[in-house]
């Protein structure tokens, strides 16, 4: 399953909580696409995902970062 989280304009910990909710909703596996516009949110989401066994790919586009979290 796949999911999209747009966390632009949100302050931590809200982006992390949104991603965690999606991880749980997907049953701990799948693909989550996350858009953030904060370096802190990018780092915190990456840390959360890796701690839960998700692979993380980040593409930085100016102020915005596109994260792809994958777990099979």
Protein backbone atom coordinates (compact mmCIF):
# COMPACT_ATOMS: atom_id res chain seq x y z
CA UNK A 1 0.00 0.00 0.00
CA UNK A 2 1.04 3.59 -0.57
CA UNK A 3 0.32 6.82 1.24
CA UNK A 4 1.05 10.53 0.80
CA UNK A 5 1.79 12.93 3.66
CA UNK A 6 2.09 16.65 2.97
CA UNK A 7 3.67 18.16 6.07
CA UNK A 8 4.71 21.49 4.57
CA UNK A 9 4.16 24.41 6.91
CA UNK A 10 3.87 22.20 9.99
CA UNK A 11 6.16 22.46 12.99
CA UNK A 12 7.65 19.48 14.80
CA UNK A 13 6.48 17.22 16.23
CA UNK A 14 3.38 17.32 13.99
CA UNK A 15 5.10 16.03 10.78
CA UNK A 16 6.62 13.12 12.73
CA UNK A 17 3.25 12.28 14.30
CA UNK A 18 1.54 12.30 10.89
CA UNK A 19 4.15 9.94 9.46
CA UNK A 20 3.96 7.62 12.49
CA UNK A 21 0.18 7.48 12.12
CA UNK A 22 0.59 6.46 8.46
CA UNK A 23 3.17 3.81 9.35
CA UNK A 24 0.72 2.32 11.83
CA UNK A 25 -2.21 2.59 9.39
CA UNK A 26 -0.26 0.72 6.73
CA UNK A 27 0.48 -2.08 9.16
CA UNK A 28 4.19 -1.35 9.32
CA UNK A 29 4.90 -1.93 5.63
CA UNK A 30 4.36 -0.22 2.31
CA UNK A 31 5.48 3.07 0.82
CA UNK A 32 4.95 6.57 2.21
CA UNK A 33 5.72 9.71 0.23
CA UNK A 34 6.34 12.69 2.52
CA UNK A 35 6.78 16.36 1.56
CA UNK A 36 8.34 18.72 4.11
CA UNK A 37 9.78 22.22 4.03
CA UNK A 38 11.82 22.05 7.22
CA UNK A 39 15.25 20.54 7.72
CA UNK A 40 14.29 19.62 11.27
CA UNK A 41 11.20 17.73 10.09
CA UNK A 42 13.25 15.96 7.40
CA UNK A 43 15.84 14.83 9.94
CA UNK A 44 13.29 13.77 12.57
CA UNK A 45 11.17 11.80 10.08
CA UNK A 46 14.30 10.12 8.70
CA UNK A 47 15.37 9.18 12.23
CA UNK A 48 11.89 7.79 13.08
CA UNK A 49 11.66 5.78 9.85
CA UNK A 50 15.10 4.22 10.21
CA UNK A 51 14.42 3.33 13.84
CA UNK A 52 11.30 1.45 12.65
CA UNK A 53 13.19 -0.41 9.91
CA UNK A 54 12.02 1.72 6.95
CA UNK A 55 14.35 2.62 4.08
CA UNK A 56 14.53 6.36 3.41
CA UNK A 57 15.28 8.20 0.19
CA UNK A 58 15.46 12.01 0.24
CA UNK A 59 15.35 14.35 -2.74
CA UNK A 60 15.94 18.00 -1.82
CA UNK A 61 14.36 20.55 -4.17
CA UNK A 62 15.18 24.02 -2.88
CA UNK A 63 13.35 24.53 0.42
CA UNK A 64 11.24 21.40 -0.07
CA UNK A 65 12.30 17.82 0.58
CA UNK A 66 10.56 14.77 -0.85
CA UNK A 67 11.07 11.69 1.33
CA UNK A 68 10.15 8.20 0.21
CA UNK A 69 9.83 5.69 3.05
CA UNK A 70 9.73 2.04 2.04
CA UNK A 71 9.33 -1.17 4.02
CA UNK A 72 8.47 -4.61 2.68
